[in-house]
Structures are given as C-alpha cells and as structure tokens.
Amino acid sequence: MVGAWLLVAAVSALYAAACCGAVWAIGLSWWWGLLPVAIAVAGACTGMLLRVNEAHAPTDSVVIKPVDDARIHAVVDRLCALTGQDKPVVRLYGDGAPNALSFEPDTVYLSMGLVNRLDNRELEAVLAHELAHLAHRDERVLSFATLMGTMEWALTLPAMAGMLVAAAEGRVCRVARRCGRKWRPAFGASTGPRTPEVASTWLPRPPRPEEREDKAFSPGAARVVIILAGLARAALILLFLAVLFPALIVGVLAYGAALIPGRLVILVLTRRREIAADRAAAELTGAPSVLAATLARLTKSIPLSGDLRGLGNASSQAFLPTSRPGKRQDRHPDDAIGKAMDRLWDSLRSTHPSVESRIRRLEKQSARMTGPGGA
C-alpha cells in the first residue's frame, strides 16, 4: 500500500514541478503552479467519491449461496478466518473463460469457467488473491491514481455537470410547454423531419401530458411561470456556455497532455498491485507453487484478442487479463521486427505483468519459504 501511494504521490509531484516551472517561465511566482495540482487532487478525490471511474462488474451474475456450492463457501470461510476479513459476497457469472474479479464493497466474482476447472487448492489460491485485492483496497487506489494521473476527472466531472444542466433545461422546457409555449430542449436530440423510410413506418402515439394543448395554468399564472422559466433557461444555457463548455475544453487539453505519462504510471501501478496480491495470496495459503501452477494452466484458456479490446477497466480487477495478444493477421511470417514491435506494444498496454514474471516471483517466494530461513 505504501509503495502504491508513493507512486501516486510521485506523479503528483511531477505535475507540480511542471506547473511551477511553466508559471515561473511566464513571470509569475512559482507557487502559483501548485494551484492546478491542488485542483487536480480535489477533482480526483471528488471523482473517486462519485465513483466516476468505476469498473463495470459482470451483469449476468448470481449470488452463490452455501446450499448452491458448499465447496466455495468452505474455502472462503477458511481464508476469512485466517485473515480476519469480513466474508465477501461471492457471485457466479456465465463466462467460459476462467477468471475472477473483486469489487468494493466486498464482492468477488467467479466465472463458470474458473469454478469448473479448479480443484480446492487451486480455488483457494485464486480466492486468496482476490481477498488480497479487497484487503489492500486496490480498486480505490487505482481509481484515484487513474483520475489523478491521467487527469480523467477533468473530462468526467464537466461532462457529468453538463448532463445535469441538460436535464434541468429539459424540465424547464416541459414546464413551458404546459403553459402553451413550444420550447424544445437546447441540449436534446434533434427534432428535425424524419426520413421517408422512418416516416412510412412511424405510427402516431398519444400525446404526453406535457405536450397536450390544454394549459395547466391560468393565463395570469402562465405568464409568471413563462417569465421564471425563461430566466431559468437563460441561466442554465449561460452556465453551460460560459463555464462548463470552456471547462470541458480545458479538460480535453489537460487530459491529452497527461495521457501518455499518466497511462504508463497507471500500468506500472496495476502490475505492482497484481504482484502484491500474488505475494499476499502465497503467504496466506503457504503454497506459492500452487498459485504458480494455476497461473500457468489457466493462461492457456484466456481468449485471444489481436487488438486487446477486451482489456477494459475491469481487467485491472481481474485475476488474469480479460484477453491476451493474438497474432497479427497482416504480418508476414518473416517480419521479425514487426512481430517484436507487436509484442512490445502489447506488453506496454497490458494491465498485468507477464505470467512468466509472476511465476518467477512465486518460485523465488516458494524457495524462501521452504529454504533454511523458511518454515
């Protein structure tokens, strides 16, 4: 945990140094450069509280009860008794590829492909790995680091605020329509004429209450409502044009400037958290070799993906990457340089260390645990 937060702090320090150098170069006091970093920290904290960078858990999952699979619950109970952790909710999702994911609050997802392939000792190793993620609060660490390191909050927060403004302006227009004014939302979908193909199959629908011709207010009250609605609509549009739209443009520029170095740091962090979870799982179960053998066997079942599109947000929460590099179809068999560049590019984008690296570390840990100074 200390190493993870130190890495995040190092990224923040680099941004602070860059900002201070930039403001000093234009003739201002250097400490003005700390203001953007302070805003970045506040934005990342707010984004983490709002969970704007939350990875999506599997949707087709069911809770595994003790009567459904006593074996899984026996393993989880034993591990929780050893660690003192609260027992997580265990859910099963219908994927043939073997994998496991953990999310806060304490929930562990197991794929059907994983449960059907593992014996008790292998299942214990995988569950210990996921419990380590939960104990280390890795989802929270990675969420903050991603928002801070890549300035992603600078895009998501203005976008969310813009959505709220658009929703509020749409409600104002609905009130105006009840007063007889044919206002259309400025940020809504296009209401232009339909194409002939769509018009030929379009059937009229009953008008909604706010679209009926009869007025919901008396003439005197309607005039007051229209004035208030117009002022509210003007304020919302002005807020969007004067504040939110410029903030979004600035956010795009900040995100673009921080994207490459920030992503590299995030990848380093996610790999270090995987290694830390492997080490903690091996110490908890006392069998690093079992975890290493499980990694080696299950890796062969990871689906191939030539462009790694399966590596989404949830991959950093997974026991194994959600996909692995495939062979490029457009590469000539003799193009050794191209293949080497492909392997380098795939390794740079992977959220997990290579399986070979994880196995080597586990083998060294096993040697230490069984050597003269071990158990």
Protein backbone atom coordinates (compact mmCIF):
# COMPACT_ATOMS: atom_id res chain seq x y z
CA MET A 1 0.00 0.00 0.00
CA VAL A 2 2.80 2.42 0.90
CA GLY A 3 4.55 1.82 -2.40
CA ALA A 4 1.30 2.32 -4.33
CA TRP A 5 0.56 5.66 -2.70
CA LEU A 6 4.18 6.77 -3.08
CA LEU A 7 3.91 6.16 -6.81
CA VAL A 8 0.74 8.26 -6.98
CA ALA A 9 2.50 10.97 -4.95
CA ALA A 10 5.44 10.88 -7.36
CA VAL A 11 3.09 11.53 -10.30
CA SER A 12 1.53 14.44 -8.42
CA ALA A 13 4.99 15.83 -7.65
CA LEU A 14 5.97 15.67 -11.33
CA TYR A 15 2.82 17.54 -12.32
CA ALA A 16 3.51 20.12 -9.60
CA ALA A 17 7.08 20.63 -10.81
CA ALA A 18 5.90 21.03 -14.42
CA CYS A 19 3.20 23.54 -13.43
CA CYS A 20 5.59 25.53 -11.22
CA GLY A 21 8.16 25.66 -14.00
CA ALA A 22 5.54 26.81 -16.51
CA VAL A 23 4.23 29.68 -14.37
CA TRP A 24 7.78 30.71 -13.45
CA ALA A 25 8.68 30.84 -17.13
CA ILE A 26 5.87 33.32 -17.84
CA GLY A 27 6.97 35.59 -14.98
CA LEU A 28 4.65 34.60 -12.13
CA SER A 29 5.63 33.33 -8.71
CA TRP A 30 6.41 29.64 -8.83
CA TRP A 31 3.94 28.74 -6.10
CA TRP A 32 1.04 29.60 -8.43
CA GLY A 33 1.90 26.31 -10.11
CA LEU A 34 0.67 24.44 -7.04
CA LEU A 35 -2.88 25.67 -7.63
CA PRO A 36 -3.62 23.39 -10.64
CA VAL A 37 -2.24 20.39 -8.72
CA ALA A 38 -4.43 21.23 -5.73
CA ILE A 39 -7.42 21.42 -8.07
CA ALA A 40 -6.38 18.08 -9.59
CA VAL A 41 -6.21 16.42 -6.18
CA ALA A 42 -9.63 17.83 -5.24
CA GLY A 43 -11.06 16.70 -8.58
CA ALA A 44 -9.63 13.20 -8.21
CA CYS A 45 -10.99 12.91 -4.66
CA THR A 46 -14.41 14.08 -5.82
CA GLY A 47 -14.36 11.70 -8.75
CA MET A 48 -13.39 8.80 -6.50
CA LEU A 49 -16.25 9.61 -4.11
CA LEU A 50 -18.66 9.78 -7.05
CA ARG A 51 -17.10 6.58 -8.47
CA VAL A 52 -16.89 8.12 -11.94
CA ASN A 53 -14.10 5.73 -12.92
CA GLU A 54 -15.75 2.61 -11.53
CA ALA A 55 -15.05 -0.56 -13.48
CA HIS A 56 -18.15 -2.41 -14.59
CA ALA A 57 -18.83 -5.68 -12.81
CA PRO A 58 -20.32 -8.60 -14.75
CA THR A 59 -24.06 -8.09 -15.18
CA ASP A 60 -25.16 -11.69 -15.72
CA SER A 61 -24.22 -12.88 -12.24
CA VAL A 62 -26.00 -14.63 -9.38
CA VAL A 63 -25.11 -14.90 -5.71
CA ILE A 64 -23.58 -18.24 -4.76
CA LYS A 65 -25.24 -19.42 -1.55
CA PRO A 66 -23.84 -22.15 0.71
CA VAL A 67 -26.55 -24.54 -0.49
CA ASP A 68 -25.51 -23.87 -4.09
CA ASP A 69 -21.79 -24.64 -3.66
CA ALA A 70 -20.58 -25.64 -0.22
CA ARG A 71 -17.03 -26.08 -1.52
CA ILE A 72 -16.60 -22.43 -2.45
CA HIS A 73 -18.02 -21.20 0.85
CA ALA A 74 -15.80 -23.58 2.84
CA VAL A 75 -12.72 -22.14 1.12
CA VAL A 76 -13.87 -18.55 1.62
CA ASP A 77 -14.70 -19.18 5.30
CA ARG A 78 -11.26 -20.64 5.93
CA LEU A 79 -9.44 -17.74 4.25
CA CYS A 80 -11.52 -15.12 6.06
CA ALA A 81 -10.84 -16.85 9.37
CA LEU A 82 -7.09 -16.67 8.68
CA THR A 83 -7.12 -13.01 7.64
CA GLY A 84 -9.83 -11.66 9.92
CA GLN A 85 -11.62 -10.11 6.95
CA ASP A 86 -15.37 -9.89 6.64
CA LYS A 87 -16.73 -12.56 4.37
CA PRO A 88 -17.35 -11.16 0.89
CA VAL A 89 -20.37 -11.83 -1.26
CA VAL A 90 -19.45 -14.44 -3.88
CA ARG A 91 -21.18 -14.24 -7.24
CA LEU A 92 -21.04 -16.50 -10.29
CA TYR A 93 -21.14 -15.10 -13.81
CA GLY A 94 -21.62 -17.02 -17.01
CA ASP A 95 -18.32 -16.86 -18.83
CA GLY A 96 -16.49 -19.90 -20.13
CA ALA A 97 -13.11 -18.19 -19.79
CA PRO A 98 -11.56 -18.76 -16.34
CA ASN A 99 -11.26 -15.57 -14.31
CA ALA A 100 -12.09 -13.92 -11.00
CA LEU A 101 -12.70 -10.27 -10.14
CA SER A 102 -13.11 -8.31 -6.92
CA PHE A 103 -15.01 -5.08 -6.36
CA GLU A 104 -15.73 -2.82 -3.42
CA PRO A 105 -17.72 -3.20 -1.25
CA ASP A 106 -16.57 -6.75 -0.59
CA THR A 107 -17.73 -8.76 -3.61
CA VAL A 108 -15.88 -11.47 -5.52
CA TYR A 109 -17.00 -12.64 -8.97
CA LEU A 110 -16.07 -16.11 -10.21
CA SER A 111 -16.61 -17.24 -13.78
CA MET A 112 -18.18 -20.59 -14.55
CA GLY A 113 -15.05 -21.49 -16.49
CA LEU A 114 -12.94 -20.93 -13.39
CA VAL A 115 -15.14 -22.89 -10.98
CA ASN A 116 -15.36 -25.86 -13.35
CA ARG A 117 -11.60 -26.05 -13.89
CA LEU A 118 -10.12 -25.71 -10.39
CA ASP A 119 -9.74 -28.12 -7.52
CA ASN A 120 -9.92 -26.99 -3.90
CA ARG A 121 -6.28 -25.93 -3.53
CA GLU A 122 -6.26 -24.01 -6.81
CA LEU A 123 -9.55 -22.33 -5.94
CA GLU A 124 -8.11 -21.35 -2.56
CA ALA A 125 -5.11 -19.72 -4.25
CA VAL A 126 -7.29 -17.68 -6.61
CA LEU A 127 -9.69 -16.58 -3.86
CA ALA A 128 -6.77 -15.60 -1.63
CA HIS A 129 -5.51 -13.39 -4.46
CA GLU A 130 -8.88 -11.64 -4.74
CA LEU A 131 -9.19 -11.25 -0.95
CA ALA A 132 -5.78 -9.56 -1.01
CA HIS A 133 -7.11 -7.04 -3.55
CA LEU A 134 -10.03 -6.28 -1.24
CA ALA A 135 -7.82 -6.02 1.84
CA HIS A 136 -5.43 -3.64 0.05
CA ARG A 137 -8.34 -1.52 -1.26
CA ASP A 138 -6.77 -1.75 -4.70
CA GLU A 139 -9.90 -0.63 -6.54
CA ARG A 140 -9.89 2.63 -4.58
CA VAL A 141 -6.16 3.14 -5.09
CA LEU A 142 -6.37 2.53 -8.83
CA SER A 143 -9.45 4.73 -9.17
CA PHE A 144 -7.72 7.68 -7.51
CA ALA A 145 -4.48 7.08 -9.38
CA THR A 146 -6.27 6.93 -12.74
CA LEU A 147 -8.24 10.10 -12.09
CA MET A 148 -5.18 11.92 -10.79
CA GLY A 149 -2.51 10.52 -13.08
CA THR A 150 -4.36 10.94 -16.38
CA MET A 151 -6.49 14.00 -15.49
CA GLU A 152 -9.53 11.87 -16.40
CA TRP A 153 -11.56 13.76 -13.81
CA ALA A 154 -11.11 16.91 -15.92
CA LEU A 155 -13.26 15.23 -18.57
CA THR A 156 -15.75 13.29 -16.47
CA LEU A 157 -16.73 15.98 -13.95
CA PRO A 158 -17.58 18.72 -16.52
CA ALA A 159 -19.36 16.10 -18.63
CA MET A 160 -21.47 14.99 -15.66
CA ALA A 161 -22.24 18.62 -14.79
CA GLY A 162 -23.25 19.23 -18.40
CA MET A 163 -25.62 16.26 -18.29
CA LEU A 164 -27.25 17.68 -15.15
CA VAL A 165 -27.64 21.10 -16.81
CA ALA A 166 -29.17 19.47 -19.90
CA ALA A 167 -31.63 17.51 -17.75
CA ALA A 168 -32.62 20.66 -15.81
CA GLU A 169 -33.11 22.64 -19.05
CA GLY A 170 -35.28 19.86 -20.42
CA ARG A 171 -37.54 20.04 -17.37
CA VAL A 172 -37.84 23.81 -17.77
CA CYS A 173 -38.97 23.27 -21.36
CA ARG A 174 -41.57 20.77 -20.19
CA VAL A 175 -42.99 23.34 -17.79
CA ALA A 176 -43.08 25.91 -20.61
CA ARG A 177 -44.98 23.50 -22.87
CA ARG A 178 -47.61 23.14 -20.18
CA CYS A 179 -48.06 26.89 -20.45
CA GLY A 180 -48.58 26.67 -24.21
CA ARG A 181 -45.05 27.52 -25.37
CA LYS A 182 -43.47 25.13 -27.88
CA TRP A 183 -39.99 25.15 -26.37
CA ARG A 184 -37.58 22.42 -27.35
CA PRO A 185 -34.54 21.47 -25.22
CA ALA A 186 -31.39 23.20 -26.44
CA PHE A 187 -29.26 20.17 -25.49
CA GLY A 188 -31.76 17.49 -26.51
CA ALA A 189 -31.87 15.19 -29.50
CA SER A 190 -32.67 16.53 -32.93
CA THR A 191 -36.34 17.02 -33.66
CA GLY A 192 -35.92 17.53 -37.40
CA PRO A 193 -38.07 15.86 -40.04
CA ARG A 194 -37.93 12.12 -40.26
CA THR A 195 -36.57 10.38 -43.30
CA PRO A 196 -39.14 8.86 -45.68
CA GLU A 197 -38.18 5.34 -44.59
CA VAL A 198 -38.79 6.15 -40.94
CA ALA A 199 -41.90 8.22 -41.66
CA SER A 200 -43.51 5.36 -43.57
CA THR A 201 -43.29 3.05 -40.57
CA TRP A 202 -43.92 5.68 -37.90
CA LEU A 203 -47.22 5.44 -36.06
CA PRO A 204 -48.67 8.34 -34.08
CA ARG A 205 -48.62 7.96 -30.31
CA PRO A 206 -50.88 9.52 -27.73
CA PRO A 207 -49.55 12.92 -26.62
CA ARG A 208 -47.78 13.08 -23.30
CA PRO A 209 -49.35 15.19 -20.57
CA GLU A 210 -46.83 17.98 -21.04
CA GLU A 211 -47.50 18.01 -24.82
CA ARG A 212 -51.27 18.46 -24.66
CA GLU A 213 -52.78 21.68 -25.96
CA ASP A 214 -54.80 22.33 -22.82
CA LYS A 215 -52.92 24.61 -20.48
CA ALA A 216 -52.12 23.52 -16.95
CA PHE A 217 -52.07 27.12 -15.63
CA SER A 218 -54.42 30.04 -15.71
CA PRO A 219 -53.41 32.88 -18.09
CA GLY A 220 -52.07 35.07 -15.28
CA ALA A 221 -50.12 32.24 -13.65
CA ALA A 222 -48.86 31.07 -17.04
CA ARG A 223 -47.25 34.45 -17.74
CA VAL A 224 -45.41 34.34 -14.41
CA VAL A 225 -44.30 30.76 -14.99
CA ILE A 226 -43.08 31.61 -18.51
CA ILE A 227 -41.02 34.53 -17.19
CA LEU A 228 -39.45 32.40 -14.45
CA ALA A 229 -38.88 29.51 -16.86
CA GLY A 230 -37.22 31.85 -19.37
CA LEU A 231 -34.90 33.25 -16.73
CA ALA A 232 -34.02 29.74 -15.52
CA ARG A 233 -33.41 28.52 -19.06
CA ALA A 234 -31.22 31.50 -19.87
CA ALA A 235 -29.20 30.95 -16.70
CA LEU A 236 -28.69 27.27 -17.50
CA ILE A 237 -27.60 27.96 -21.08
CA LEU A 238 -25.29 30.73 -19.89
CA LEU A 239 -23.83 28.41 -17.26
CA PHE A 240 -23.10 25.81 -19.93
CA LEU A 241 -21.61 28.23 -22.46
CA ALA A 242 -19.64 30.38 -20.01
CA VAL A 243 -18.43 27.77 -17.53
CA LEU A 244 -18.97 24.13 -18.44
CA PHE A 245 -18.05 24.24 -22.13
CA PRO A 246 -14.74 26.10 -21.51
CA ALA A 247 -14.04 23.75 -18.59
CA LEU A 248 -14.56 20.78 -20.90
CA ILE A 249 -12.18 22.25 -23.49
CA VAL A 250 -9.54 22.81 -20.81
CA GLY A 251 -10.18 19.27 -19.56
CA VAL A 252 -9.58 17.85 -23.02
CA LEU A 253 -6.25 19.70 -23.25
CA ALA A 254 -5.20 18.61 -19.73
CA TYR A 255 -6.21 15.01 -20.42
CA GLY A 256 -4.27 14.97 -23.68
CA ALA A 257 -1.14 16.39 -22.02
CA ALA A 258 -1.23 13.89 -19.15
CA LEU A 259 -2.45 10.85 -21.06
CA ILE A 260 0.77 9.14 -22.13
CA PRO A 261 2.89 9.62 -18.98
CA GLY A 262 -0.13 9.06 -16.76
CA ARG A 263 -1.12 5.82 -18.51
CA LEU A 264 2.40 4.47 -18.22
CA VAL A 265 2.41 5.14 -14.48
CA ILE A 266 -1.04 3.56 -14.07
CA LEU A 267 0.13 0.43 -15.89
CA VAL A 268 3.14 0.20 -13.57
CA LEU A 269 0.84 0.61 -10.58
CA THR A 270 -1.67 -2.03 -11.69
CA ARG A 271 1.14 -4.53 -12.28
CA ARG A 272 2.65 -3.85 -8.87
CA ARG A 273 -0.75 -4.40 -7.25
CA GLU A 274 -1.08 -7.75 -9.03
CA ILE A 275 2.36 -8.81 -7.81
CA ALA A 276 1.48 -7.69 -4.27
CA ALA A 277 -1.77 -9.69 -4.40
CA ASP A 278 0.14 -12.76 -5.62
CA ARG A 279 2.62 -12.42 -2.77
CA ALA A 280 -0.11 -11.99 -0.16
CA ALA A 281 -2.06 -14.96 -1.52
CA ALA A 282 1.04 -17.16 -1.45
CA GLU A 283 1.79 -16.17 2.13
CA LEU A 284 -1.79 -16.79 3.22
CA THR A 285 -2.10 -20.23 1.64
CA GLY A 286 1.52 -21.22 2.27
CA ALA A 287 1.71 -22.68 -1.24
CA PRO A 288 3.23 -20.33 -3.83
CA SER A 289 3.77 -23.26 -6.17
CA VAL A 290 0.04 -23.96 -6.32
CA LEU A 291 -0.69 -20.38 -7.36
CA ALA A 292 2.12 -20.50 -9.94
CA ALA A 293 0.82 -23.75 -11.42
CA THR A 294 -2.71 -22.34 -11.53
CA LEU A 295 -1.49 -19.25 -13.38
CA ALA A 296 0.40 -21.36 -15.90
CA ARG A 297 -2.56 -23.65 -16.57
CA LEU A 298 -5.29 -21.02 -16.79
CA THR A 299 -3.33 -18.66 -19.02
CA LYS A 300 -3.78 -21.05 -21.93
CA SER A 301 -7.56 -20.55 -21.63
CA ILE A 302 -7.54 -16.75 -21.89
CA PRO A 303 -9.31 -15.71 -25.12
CA LEU A 304 -7.11 -14.39 -27.89
CA SER A 305 -7.59 -10.79 -28.96
CA GLY A 306 -5.39 -9.32 -31.63
CA ASP A 307 -6.09 -5.71 -30.60
CA LEU A 308 -6.59 -6.22 -26.87
CA ARG A 309 -10.05 -4.65 -26.95
CA GLY A 310 -11.04 -6.92 -24.08
CA LEU A 311 -8.71 -5.07 -21.72
CA GLY A 312 -11.20 -2.65 -20.28
CA ASN A 313 -11.48 -1.07 -16.85
CA ALA A 314 -12.45 -4.36 -15.25
CA SER A 315 -9.22 -6.04 -16.33
CA SER A 316 -7.24 -4.34 -13.57
CA GLN A 317 -9.60 -6.01 -11.06
CA ALA A 318 -9.18 -9.48 -12.57
CA PHE A 319 -7.01 -12.44 -11.62
CA LEU A 320 -6.00 -12.79 -15.27
CA PRO A 321 -6.18 -10.30 -18.17
CA THR A 322 -9.54 -10.48 -19.89
CA SER A 323 -7.76 -11.17 -23.18
CA ARG A 324 -4.27 -11.90 -24.41
CA PRO A 325 -2.43 -10.77 -27.52
CA GLY A 326 -3.14 -12.68 -30.68
CA LYS A 327 -1.13 -12.99 -33.85
CA ARG A 328 -1.50 -10.11 -36.28
CA GLN A 329 -3.14 -11.36 -39.42
CA ASP A 330 -1.44 -8.74 -41.59
CA ARG A 331 2.12 -9.62 -40.52
CA HIS A 332 4.38 -11.51 -42.91
CA PRO A 333 5.78 -14.70 -41.33
CA ASP A 334 9.33 -13.41 -41.84
CA ASP A 335 8.68 -9.94 -40.38
CA ALA A 336 10.69 -10.41 -37.18
CA ILE A 337 10.98 -6.70 -36.43
CA GLY A 338 7.23 -6.20 -36.80
CA LYS A 339 6.48 -9.13 -34.51
CA ALA A 340 8.91 -7.80 -31.93
CA MET A 341 7.25 -4.37 -32.06
CA ASP A 342 3.84 -6.01 -31.68
CA ARG A 343 4.99 -7.90 -28.58
CA LEU A 344 6.48 -4.70 -27.13
CA TRP A 345 3.31 -2.71 -27.80
CA ASP A 346 1.09 -5.42 -26.31
CA SER A 347 3.24 -5.64 -23.19
CA LEU A 348 3.11 -1.85 -22.75
CA ARG A 349 -0.69 -1.90 -22.86
CA SER A 350 -1.24 -4.90 -20.61
CA THR A 351 -2.63 -4.20 -17.15
CA HIS A 352 -0.99 -7.35 -15.76
CA PRO A 353 2.64 -8.43 -15.55
CA SER A 354 3.51 -11.31 -17.81
CA VAL A 355 2.58 -14.72 -16.48
CA GLU A 356 6.23 -15.76 -16.73
CA SER A 357 7.24 -12.85 -14.48
CA ARG A 358 4.54 -13.70 -11.92
CA ILE A 359 5.56 -17.35 -11.89
CA ARG A 360 9.26 -16.49 -11.42
CA ARG A 361 8.43 -14.31 -8.43
CA LEU A 362 6.28 -17.03 -6.91
CA GLU A 363 9.04 -19.60 -7.43
CA LYS A 364 11.50 -17.33 -5.62
CA GLN A 365 8.99 -16.83 -2.82
CA SER A 366 8.49 -20.58 -2.59
CA ALA A 367 12.26 -21.09 -2.33
CA ARG A 368 12.47 -18.56 0.50
CA MET A 369 9.56 -20.16 2.36
CA THR A 370 10.96 -23.69 2.07
CA GLY A 371 14.63 -22.81 2.48
CA PRO A 372 16.73 -22.79 5.68
CA GLY A 373 15.17 -19.49 6.77
CA GLY A 374 11.64 -20.51 5.80
CA ALA A 375 9.06 -22.57 7.56
